[in-house]
Amino acid sequence: LGAPGEIISLANGKITIACGKGSVVIEGV
């Protein structure tokens, strides 16, 4: 859980971002 847009995990070299409901994992930027 986190505020919308908040980075809530950096596990395994991935950036997990909290959304309004659930989260997405960013793998490339």
mmCIF file of all heavy atoms, coordinates in Angstrom:
data_MODEL
# 
_entry.id   MODEL 
# 
loop_
_atom_site.group_PDB 
_atom_site.id 
_atom_site.type_symbol 
_atom_site.label_atom_id 
_atom_site.label_alt_id 
_atom_site.label_comp_id 
_atom_site.label_asym_id 
_atom_site.label_entity_id 
_atom_site.label_seq_id 
_atom_site.pdbx_PDB_ins_code 
_atom_site.Cartn_x 
_atom_site.Cartn_y 
_atom_site.Cartn_z 
_atom_site.occupancy 
_atom_site.B_iso_or_equiv 
_atom_site.pdbx_formal_charge 
_atom_site.auth_seq_id 
_atom_site.auth_comp_id 
_atom_site.auth_asym_id 
_atom_site.auth_atom_id 
_atom_site.pdbx_PDB_model_num 
ATOM 1   N N   . LEU A 1 1  ? 0.831   -1.200  0.000   1.00 0.00 ? 1  LEU A N   1 
ATOM 2   C CA  . LEU A 1 1  ? 0.000   0.000   0.000   1.00 0.00 ? 1  LEU A CA  1 
ATOM 3   C C   . LEU A 1 1  ? 0.861   1.243   0.000   1.00 0.00 ? 1  LEU A C   1 
ATOM 4   O O   . LEU A 1 1  ? 1.965   1.270   0.540   1.00 0.00 ? 1  LEU A O   1 
ATOM 5   C CB  . LEU A 1 1  ? -0.923  0.008   1.227   1.00 0.00 ? 1  LEU A CB  1 
ATOM 6   C CG  . LEU A 1 1  ? -1.901  -1.173  1.352   1.00 0.00 ? 1  LEU A CG  1 
ATOM 7   C CD1 . LEU A 1 1  ? -2.677  -1.062  2.658   1.00 0.00 ? 1  LEU A CD1 1 
ATOM 8   C CD2 . LEU A 1 1  ? -2.851  -1.212  0.172   1.00 0.00 ? 1  LEU A CD2 1 
ATOM 9   N N   . GLY A 1 2  ? 0.342   2.299   -0.598  1.00 0.00 ? 2  GLY A N   1 
ATOM 10  C CA  . GLY A 1 2  ? 1.038   3.578   -0.613  1.00 0.00 ? 2  GLY A CA  1 
ATOM 11  C C   . GLY A 1 2  ? 0.159   4.626   -1.255  1.00 0.00 ? 2  GLY A C   1 
ATOM 12  O O   . GLY A 1 2  ? -0.896  4.329   -1.816  1.00 0.00 ? 2  GLY A O   1 
ATOM 13  N N   . ALA A 1 3  ? 0.598   5.870   -1.200  1.00 0.00 ? 3  ALA A N   1 
ATOM 14  C CA  . ALA A 1 3  ? -0.122  6.948   -1.857  1.00 0.00 ? 3  ALA A CA  1 
ATOM 15  C C   . ALA A 1 3  ? 0.040   6.823   -3.365  1.00 0.00 ? 3  ALA A C   1 
ATOM 16  O O   . ALA A 1 3  ? 1.048   6.280   -3.840  1.00 0.00 ? 3  ALA A O   1 
ATOM 17  C CB  . ALA A 1 3  ? 0.413   8.285   -1.362  1.00 0.00 ? 3  ALA A CB  1 
ATOM 18  N N   . PRO A 1 4  ? -0.915  7.296   -4.155  1.00 0.00 ? 4  PRO A N   1 
ATOM 19  C CA  . PRO A 1 4  ? -0.791  7.201   -5.610  1.00 0.00 ? 4  PRO A CA  1 
ATOM 20  C C   . PRO A 1 4  ? 0.515   7.799   -6.123  1.00 0.00 ? 4  PRO A C   1 
ATOM 21  O O   . PRO A 1 4  ? 0.883   8.917   -5.769  1.00 0.00 ? 4  PRO A O   1 
ATOM 22  C CB  . PRO A 1 4  ? -1.998  8.003   -6.111  1.00 0.00 ? 4  PRO A CB  1 
ATOM 23  C CG  . PRO A 1 4  ? -3.014  7.854   -5.027  1.00 0.00 ? 4  PRO A CG  1 
ATOM 24  C CD  . PRO A 1 4  ? -2.215  7.865   -3.751  1.00 0.00 ? 4  PRO A CD  1 
ATOM 25  N N   . GLY A 1 5  ? 1.251   7.012   -6.916  1.00 0.00 ? 5  GLY A N   1 
ATOM 26  C CA  . GLY A 1 5  ? 2.527   7.461   -7.458  1.00 0.00 ? 5  GLY A CA  1 
ATOM 27  C C   . GLY A 1 5  ? 3.719   7.143   -6.580  1.00 0.00 ? 5  GLY A C   1 
ATOM 28  O O   . GLY A 1 5  ? 4.873   7.303   -7.013  1.00 0.00 ? 5  GLY A O   1 
ATOM 29  N N   . GLU A 1 6  ? 3.491   6.668   -5.390  1.00 0.00 ? 6  GLU A N   1 
ATOM 30  C CA  . GLU A 1 6  ? 4.594   6.400   -4.461  1.00 0.00 ? 6  GLU A CA  1 
ATOM 31  C C   . GLU A 1 6  ? 5.315   5.101   -4.830  1.00 0.00 ? 6  GLU A C   1 
ATOM 32  O O   . GLU A 1 6  ? 4.697   4.101   -5.178  1.00 0.00 ? 6  GLU A O   1 
ATOM 33  C CB  . GLU A 1 6  ? 4.054   6.283   -3.037  1.00 0.00 ? 6  GLU A CB  1 
ATOM 34  C CG  . GLU A 1 6  ? 5.144   6.050   -1.985  1.00 0.00 ? 6  GLU A CG  1 
ATOM 35  C CD  . GLU A 1 6  ? 4.589   5.936   -0.578  1.00 0.00 ? 6  GLU A CD  1 
ATOM 36  O OE1 . GLU A 1 6  ? 3.395   6.239   -0.385  1.00 0.00 ? 6  GLU A OE1 1 
ATOM 37  O OE2 . GLU A 1 6  ? 5.357   5.521   0.313   1.00 0.00 ? 6  GLU A OE2 1 
ATOM 38  N N   . ILE A 1 7  ? 6.641   5.145   -4.787  1.00 0.00 ? 7  ILE A N   1 
ATOM 39  C CA  . ILE A 1 7  ? 7.439   3.947   -4.997  1.00 0.00 ? 7  ILE A CA  1 
ATOM 40  C C   . ILE A 1 7  ? 7.360   3.106   -3.728  1.00 0.00 ? 7  ILE A C   1 
ATOM 41  O O   . ILE A 1 7  ? 7.799   3.526   -2.659  1.00 0.00 ? 7  ILE A O   1 
ATOM 42  C CB  . ILE A 1 7  ? 8.907   4.294   -5.317  1.00 0.00 ? 7  ILE A CB  1 
ATOM 43  C CG1 . ILE A 1 7  ? 8.978   5.081   -6.629  1.00 0.00 ? 7  ILE A CG1 1 
ATOM 44  C CG2 . ILE A 1 7  ? 9.755   3.031   -5.412  1.00 0.00 ? 7  ILE A CG2 1 
ATOM 45  C CD1 . ILE A 1 7  ? 10.363  5.604   -6.966  1.00 0.00 ? 7  ILE A CD1 1 
ATOM 46  N N   . ILE A 1 8  ? 6.775   1.911   -3.854  1.00 0.00 ? 8  ILE A N   1 
ATOM 47  C CA  . ILE A 1 8  ? 6.551   1.099   -2.663  1.00 0.00 ? 8  ILE A CA  1 
ATOM 48  C C   . ILE A 1 8  ? 7.437   -0.143  -2.624  1.00 0.00 ? 8  ILE A C   1 
ATOM 49  O O   . ILE A 1 8  ? 7.469   -0.857  -1.632  1.00 0.00 ? 8  ILE A O   1 
ATOM 50  C CB  . ILE A 1 8  ? 5.069   0.675   -2.545  1.00 0.00 ? 8  ILE A CB  1 
ATOM 51  C CG1 . ILE A 1 8  ? 4.594   -0.023  -3.825  1.00 0.00 ? 8  ILE A CG1 1 
ATOM 52  C CG2 . ILE A 1 8  ? 4.205   1.893   -2.243  1.00 0.00 ? 8  ILE A CG2 1 
ATOM 53  C CD1 . ILE A 1 8  ? 3.162   -0.527  -3.745  1.00 0.00 ? 8  ILE A CD1 1 
ATOM 54  N N   . SER A 1 9  ? 8.185   -0.390  -3.718  1.00 0.00 ? 9  SER A N   1 
ATOM 55  C CA  . SER A 1 9  ? 9.120   -1.509  -3.720  1.00 0.00 ? 9  SER A CA  1 
ATOM 56  C C   . SER A 1 9  ? 10.146  -1.315  -4.824  1.00 0.00 ? 9  SER A C   1 
ATOM 57  O O   . SER A 1 9  ? 9.827   -0.815  -5.906  1.00 0.00 ? 9  SER A O   1 
ATOM 58  C CB  . SER A 1 9  ? 8.382   -2.837  -3.929  1.00 0.00 ? 9  SER A CB  1 
ATOM 59  O OG  . SER A 1 9  ? 9.303   -3.907  -4.087  1.00 0.00 ? 9  SER A OG  1 
ATOM 60  N N   . LEU A 1 10 ? 11.388  -1.726  -4.522  1.00 0.00 ? 10 LEU A N   1 
ATOM 61  C CA  . LEU A 1 10 ? 12.458  -1.757  -5.515  1.00 0.00 ? 10 LEU A CA  1 
ATOM 62  C C   . LEU A 1 10 ? 13.032  -3.167  -5.616  1.00 0.00 ? 10 LEU A C   1 
ATOM 63  O O   . LEU A 1 10 ? 14.154  -3.357  -6.083  1.00 0.00 ? 10 LEU A O   1 
ATOM 64  C CB  . LEU A 1 10 ? 13.564  -0.761  -5.137  1.00 0.00 ? 10 LEU A CB  1 
ATOM 65  C CG  . LEU A 1 10 ? 13.155  0.717   -5.101  1.00 0.00 ? 10 LEU A CG  1 
ATOM 66  C CD1 . LEU A 1 10 ? 14.299  1.574   -4.558  1.00 0.00 ? 10 LEU A CD1 1 
ATOM 67  C CD2 . LEU A 1 10 ? 12.746  1.197   -6.495  1.00 0.00 ? 10 LEU A CD2 1 
ATOM 68  N N   . ALA A 1 11 ? 12.233  -4.139  -5.202  1.00 0.00 ? 11 ALA A N   1 
ATOM 69  C CA  . ALA A 1 11 ? 12.687  -5.535  -5.173  1.00 0.00 ? 11 ALA A CA  1 
ATOM 70  C C   . ALA A 1 11 ? 13.005  -6.036  -6.575  1.00 0.00 ? 11 ALA A C   1 
ATOM 71  O O   . ALA A 1 11 ? 12.311  -5.720  -7.548  1.00 0.00 ? 11 ALA A O   1 
ATOM 72  C CB  . ALA A 1 11 ? 11.616  -6.417  -4.529  1.00 0.00 ? 11 ALA A CB  1 
ATOM 73  N N   . ASN A 1 12 ? 14.083  -6.818  -6.659  1.00 0.00 ? 12 ASN A N   1 
ATOM 74  C CA  . ASN A 1 12 ? 14.490  -7.473  -7.905  1.00 0.00 ? 12 ASN A CA  1 
ATOM 75  C C   . ASN A 1 12 ? 14.738  -6.481  -9.051  1.00 0.00 ? 12 ASN A C   1 
ATOM 76  O O   . ASN A 1 12 ? 14.587  -6.829  -10.229 1.00 0.00 ? 12 ASN A O   1 
ATOM 77  C CB  . ASN A 1 12 ? 13.431  -8.500  -8.339  1.00 0.00 ? 12 ASN A CB  1 
ATOM 78  C CG  . ASN A 1 12 ? 13.200  -9.574  -7.295  1.00 0.00 ? 12 ASN A CG  1 
ATOM 79  O OD1 . ASN A 1 12 ? 14.162  -10.113 -6.733  1.00 0.00 ? 12 ASN A OD1 1 
ATOM 80  N ND2 . ASN A 1 12 ? 11.943  -9.870  -7.008  1.00 0.00 ? 12 ASN A ND2 1 
ATOM 81  N N   . GLY A 1 13 ? 15.135  -5.277  -8.686  1.00 0.00 ? 13 GLY A N   1 
ATOM 82  C CA  . GLY A 1 13 ? 15.463  -4.287  -9.695  1.00 0.00 ? 13 GLY A CA  1 
ATOM 83  C C   . GLY A 1 13 ? 14.267  -3.747  -10.454 1.00 0.00 ? 13 GLY A C   1 
ATOM 84  O O   . GLY A 1 13 ? 14.417  -3.181  -11.546 1.00 0.00 ? 13 GLY A O   1 
ATOM 85  N N   . LYS A 1 14 ? 13.082  -3.873  -9.888  1.00 0.00 ? 14 LYS A N   1 
ATOM 86  C CA  . LYS A 1 14 ? 11.860  -3.356  -10.499 1.00 0.00 ? 14 LYS A CA  1 
ATOM 87  C C   . LYS A 1 14 ? 11.281  -2.252  -9.614  1.00 0.00 ? 14 LYS A C   1 
ATOM 88  O O   . LYS A 1 14 ? 11.449  -2.275  -8.398  1.00 0.00 ? 14 LYS A O   1 
ATOM 89  C CB  . LYS A 1 14 ? 10.805  -4.449  -10.688 1.00 0.00 ? 14 LYS A CB  1 
ATOM 90  C CG  . LYS A 1 14 ? 11.344  -5.734  -11.291 1.00 0.00 ? 14 LYS A CG  1 
ATOM 91  C CD  . LYS A 1 14 ? 11.856  -5.558  -12.713 1.00 0.00 ? 14 LYS A CD  1 
ATOM 92  C CE  . LYS A 1 14 ? 12.323  -6.880  -13.300 1.00 0.00 ? 14 LYS A CE  1 
ATOM 93  N NZ  . LYS A 1 14 ? 12.957  -6.740  -14.631 1.00 0.00 ? 14 LYS A NZ  1 
ATOM 94  N N   . ILE A 1 15 ? 10.601  -1.305  -10.255 1.00 0.00 ? 15 ILE A N   1 
ATOM 95  C CA  . ILE A 1 15 ? 10.039  -0.170  -9.521  1.00 0.00 ? 15 ILE A CA  1 
ATOM 96  C C   . ILE A 1 15 ? 8.536   -0.353  -9.421  1.00 0.00 ? 15 ILE A C   1 
ATOM 97  O O   . ILE A 1 15 ? 7.814   -0.231  -10.419 1.00 0.00 ? 15 ILE A O   1 
ATOM 98  C CB  . ILE A 1 15 ? 10.363  1.160   -10.227 1.00 0.00 ? 15 ILE A CB  1 
ATOM 99  C CG1 . ILE A 1 15 ? 11.869  1.310   -10.437 1.00 0.00 ? 15 ILE A CG1 1 
ATOM 100 C CG2 . ILE A 1 15 ? 9.815   2.339   -9.428  1.00 0.00 ? 15 ILE A CG2 1 
ATOM 101 C CD1 . ILE A 1 15 ? 12.255  2.487   -11.327 1.00 0.00 ? 15 ILE A CD1 1 
ATOM 102 N N   . THR A 1 16 ? 8.051   -0.660  -8.241  1.00 0.00 ? 16 THR A N   1 
ATOM 103 C CA  . THR A 1 16 ? 6.619   -0.850  -8.039  1.00 0.00 ? 16 THR A CA  1 
ATOM 104 C C   . THR A 1 16 ? 5.995   0.458   -7.574  1.00 0.00 ? 16 THR A C   1 
ATOM 105 O O   . THR A 1 16 ? 6.450   1.067   -6.601  1.00 0.00 ? 16 THR A O   1 
ATOM 106 C CB  . THR A 1 16 ? 6.345   -1.957  -7.009  1.00 0.00 ? 16 THR A CB  1 
ATOM 107 O OG1 . THR A 1 16 ? 6.974   -3.172  -7.441  1.00 0.00 ? 16 THR A OG1 1 
ATOM 108 C CG2 . THR A 1 16 ? 4.852   -2.195  -6.852  1.00 0.00 ? 16 THR A CG2 1 
ATOM 109 N N   . ILE A 1 17 ? 4.963   0.883   -8.283  1.00 0.00 ? 17 ILE A N   1 
ATOM 110 C CA  . ILE A 1 17 ? 4.312   2.168   -8.040  1.00 0.00 ? 17 ILE A CA  1 
ATOM 111 C C   . ILE A 1 17 ? 2.883   1.937   -7.566  1.00 0.00 ? 17 ILE A C   1 
ATOM 112 O O   . ILE A 1 17 ? 2.111   1.223   -8.220  1.00 0.00 ? 17 ILE A O   1 
ATOM 113 C CB  . ILE A 1 17 ? 4.278   3.027   -9.323  1.00 0.00 ? 17 ILE A CB  1 
ATOM 114 C CG1 . ILE A 1 17 ? 5.671   3.132   -9.943  1.00 0.00 ? 17 ILE A CG1 1 
ATOM 115 C CG2 . ILE A 1 17 ? 3.700   4.408   -9.043  1.00 0.00 ? 17 ILE A CG2 1 
ATOM 116 C CD1 . ILE A 1 17 ? 6.661   3.889   -9.118  1.00 0.00 ? 17 ILE A CD1 1 
ATOM 117 N N   . ALA A 1 18 ? 2.518   2.545   -6.451  1.00 0.00 ? 18 ALA A N   1 
ATOM 118 C CA  . ALA A 1 18 ? 1.147   2.454   -5.962  1.00 0.00 ? 18 ALA A CA  1 
ATOM 119 C C   . ALA A 1 18 ? 0.215   3.266   -6.840  1.00 0.00 ? 18 ALA A C   1 
ATOM 120 O O   . ALA A 1 18 ? 0.559   4.354   -7.302  1.00 0.00 ? 18 ALA A O   1 
ATOM 121 C CB  . ALA A 1 18 ? 1.077   2.963   -4.523  1.00 0.00 ? 18 ALA A CB  1 
ATOM 122 N N   . CYS A 1 19 ? -0.962  2.731   -7.075  1.00 0.00 ? 19 CYS A N   1 
ATOM 123 C CA  . CYS A 1 19 ? -1.989  3.436   -7.840  1.00 0.00 ? 19 CYS A CA  1 
ATOM 124 C C   . CYS A 1 19 ? -3.201  3.665   -6.934  1.00 0.00 ? 19 CYS A C   1 
ATOM 125 O O   . CYS A 1 19 ? -3.179  3.320   -5.759  1.00 0.00 ? 19 CYS A O   1 
ATOM 126 C CB  . CYS A 1 19 ? -2.384  2.615   -9.064  1.00 0.00 ? 19 CYS A CB  1 
ATOM 127 S SG  . CYS A 1 19 ? -1.013  2.314   -10.210 1.00 0.00 ? 19 CYS A SG  1 
ATOM 128 N N   . GLY A 1 20 ? -4.254  4.232   -7.480  1.00 0.00 ? 20 GLY A N   1 
ATOM 129 C CA  . GLY A 1 20 ? -5.453  4.458   -6.686  1.00 0.00 ? 20 GLY A CA  1 
ATOM 130 C C   . GLY A 1 20 ? -5.991  3.168   -6.113  1.00 0.00 ? 20 GLY A C   1 
ATOM 131 O O   . GLY A 1 20 ? -6.531  3.124   -5.009  1.00 0.00 ? 20 GLY A O   1 
ATOM 132 N N   . LYS A 1 21 ? -5.839  2.091   -6.890  1.00 0.00 ? 21 LYS A N   1 
ATOM 133 C CA  . LYS A 1 21 ? -6.156  0.745   -6.434  1.00 0.00 ? 21 LYS A CA  1 
ATOM 134 C C   . LYS A 1 21 ? -5.156  -0.185  -7.079  1.00 0.00 ? 21 LYS A C   1 
ATOM 135 O O   . LYS A 1 21 ? -5.003  -0.193  -8.287  1.00 0.00 ? 21 LYS A O   1 
ATOM 136 C CB  . LYS A 1 21 ? -7.583  0.359   -6.835  1.00 0.00 ? 21 LYS A CB  1 
ATOM 137 C CG  . LYS A 1 21 ? -7.969  -1.051  -6.417  1.00 0.00 ? 21 LYS A CG  1 
ATOM 138 C CD  . LYS A 1 21 ? -9.367  -1.406  -6.892  1.00 0.00 ? 21 LYS A CD  1 
ATOM 139 C CE  . LYS A 1 21 ? -9.737  -2.833  -6.507  1.00 0.00 ? 21 LYS A CE  1 
ATOM 140 N NZ  . LYS A 1 21 ? -11.079 -3.208  -7.007  1.00 0.00 ? 21 LYS A NZ  1 
ATOM 141 N N   . GLY A 1 22 ? -4.432  -0.956  -6.268  1.00 0.00 ? 22 GLY A N   1 
ATOM 142 C CA  . GLY A 1 22 ? -3.421  -1.848  -6.801  1.00 0.00 ? 22 GLY A CA  1 
ATOM 143 C C   . GLY A 1 22 ? -2.140  -1.110  -7.156  1.00 0.00 ? 22 GLY A C   1 
ATOM 144 O O   . GLY A 1 22 ? -1.918  0.033   -6.748  1.00 0.00 ? 22 GLY A O   1 
ATOM 145 N N   . SER A 1 23 ? -1.286  -1.749  -7.943  1.00 0.00 ? 23 SER A N   1 
ATOM 146 C CA  . SER A 1 23 ? 0.000   -1.154  -8.278  1.00 0.00 ? 23 SER A CA  1 
ATOM 147 C C   . SER A 1 23 ? 0.496   -1.686  -9.618  1.00 0.00 ? 23 SER A C   1 
ATOM 148 O O   . SER A 1 23 ? 0.032   -2.714  -10.110 1.00 0.00 ? 23 SER A O   1 
ATOM 149 C CB  . SER A 1 23 ? 1.033   -1.434  -7.177  1.00 0.00 ? 23 SER A CB  1 
ATOM 150 O OG  . SER A 1 23 ? 1.122   -2.821  -6.910  1.00 0.00 ? 23 SER A OG  1 
ATOM 151 N N   . VAL A 1 24 ? 1.439   -0.961  -10.210 1.00 0.00 ? 24 VAL A N   1 
ATOM 152 C CA  . VAL A 1 24 ? 2.077   -1.387  -11.451 1.00 0.00 ? 24 VAL A CA  1 
ATOM 153 C C   . VAL A 1 24 ? 3.571   -1.503  -11.209 1.00 0.00 ? 24 VAL A C   1 
ATOM 154 O O   . VAL A 1 24 ? 4.130   -0.856  -10.307 1.00 0.00 ? 24 VAL A O   1 
ATOM 155 C CB  . VAL A 1 24 ? 1.809   -0.403  -12.611 1.00 0.00 ? 24 VAL A CB  1 
ATOM 156 C CG1 . VAL A 1 24 ? 0.330   -0.420  -12.999 1.00 0.00 ? 24 VAL A CG1 1 
ATOM 157 C CG2 . VAL A 1 24 ? 2.264   1.005   -12.277 1.00 0.00 ? 24 VAL A CG2 1 
ATOM 158 N N   . VAL A 1 25 ? 4.222   -2.340  -12.017 1.00 0.00 ? 25 VAL A N   1 
ATOM 159 C CA  . VAL A 1 25 ? 5.652   -2.575  -11.888 1.00 0.00 ? 25 VAL A CA  1 
ATOM 160 C C   . VAL A 1 25 ? 6.346   -2.050  -13.137 1.00 0.00 ? 25 VAL A C   1 
ATOM 161 O O   . VAL A 1 25 ? 6.079   -2.529  -14.246 1.00 0.00 ? 25 VAL A O   1 
ATOM 162 C CB  . VAL A 1 25 ? 5.954   -4.067  -11.696 1.00 0.00 ? 25 VAL A CB  1 
ATOM 163 C CG1 . VAL A 1 25 ? 7.460   -4.289  -11.550 1.00 0.00 ? 25 VAL A CG1 1 
ATOM 164 C CG2 . VAL A 1 25 ? 5.213   -4.615  -10.482 1.00 0.00 ? 25 VAL A CG2 1 
ATOM 165 N N   . ILE A 1 26 ? 7.223   -1.083  -12.961 1.00 0.00 ? 26 ILE A N   1 
ATOM 166 C CA  . ILE A 1 26 ? 7.951   -0.492  -14.078 1.00 0.00 ? 26 ILE A CA  1 
ATOM 167 C C   . ILE A 1 26 ? 9.246   -1.274  -14.286 1.00 0.00 ? 26 ILE A C   1 
ATOM 168 O O   . ILE A 1 26 ? 10.036  -1.458  -13.361 1.00 0.00 ? 26 ILE A O   1 
ATOM 169 C CB  . ILE A 1 26 ? 8.248   0.992   -13.810 1.00 0.00 ? 26 ILE A CB  1 
ATOM 170 C CG1 . ILE A 1 26 ? 6.935   1.768   -13.713 1.00 0.00 ? 26 ILE A CG1 1 
ATOM 171 C CG2 . ILE A 1 26 ? 9.129   1.580   -14.909 1.00 0.00 ? 26 ILE A CG2 1 
ATOM 172 C CD1 . ILE A 1 26 ? 7.105   3.220   -13.311 1.00 0.00 ? 26 ILE A CD1 1 
ATOM 173 N N   . GLU A 1 27 ? 9.462   -1.717  -15.527 1.00 0.00 ? 27 GLU A N   1 
ATOM 174 C CA  . GLU A 1 27 ? 10.621  -2.557  -15.834 1.00 0.00 ? 27 GLU A CA  1 
ATOM 175 C C   . GLU A 1 27 ? 11.633  -1.885  -16.750 1.00 0.00 ? 27 GLU A C   1 
ATOM 176 O O   . GLU A 1 27 ? 12.759  -2.359  -16.884 1.00 0.00 ? 27 GLU A O   1 
ATOM 177 C CB  . GLU A 1 27 ? 10.146  -3.870  -16.458 1.00 0.00 ? 27 GLU A CB  1 
ATOM 178 C CG  . GLU A 1 27 ? 9.249   -4.672  -15.537 1.00 0.00 ? 27 GLU A CG  1 
ATOM 179 C CD  . GLU A 1 27 ? 8.758   -5.960  -16.161 1.00 0.00 ? 27 GLU A CD  1 
ATOM 180 O OE1 . GLU A 1 27 ? 8.417   -5.946  -17.360 1.00 0.00 ? 27 GLU A OE1 1 
ATOM 181 O OE2 . GLU A 1 27 ? 8.728   -6.982  -15.438 1.00 0.00 ? 27 GLU A OE2 1 
ATOM 182 N N   . GLY A 1 28 ? 11.232  -0.780  -17.382 1.00 0.00 ? 28 GLY A N   1 
ATOM 183 C CA  . GLY A 1 28 ? 12.143  -0.063  -18.270 1.00 0.00 ? 28 GLY A CA  1 
ATOM 184 C C   . GLY A 1 28 ? 11.769  1.402   -18.338 1.00 0.00 ? 28 GLY A C   1 
ATOM 185 O O   . GLY A 1 28 ? 10.589  1.749   -18.277 1.00 0.00 ? 28 GLY A O   1 
ATOM 186 N N   . VAL A 1 29 ? 12.787  2.275   -18.422 1.00 0.00 ? 29 VAL A N   1 
ATOM 187 C CA  . VAL A 1 29 ? 12.525  3.715   -18.405 1.00 0.00 ? 29 VAL A CA  1 
ATOM 188 C C   . VAL A 1 29 ? 13.423  4.443   -19.403 1.00 0.00 ? 29 VAL A C   1 
ATOM 189 O O   . VAL A 1 29 ? 14.449  3.925   -19.848 1.00 0.00 ? 29 VAL A O   1 
ATOM 190 C CB  . VAL A 1 29 ? 12.751  4.320   -16.998 1.00 0.00 ? 29 VAL A CB  1 
ATOM 191 C CG1 . VAL A 1 29 ? 11.767  3.757   -15.993 1.00 0.00 ? 29 VAL A CG1 1 
ATOM 192 C CG2 . VAL A 1 29 ? 14.195  4.089   -16.531 1.00 0.00 ? 29 VAL A CG2 1 
# 
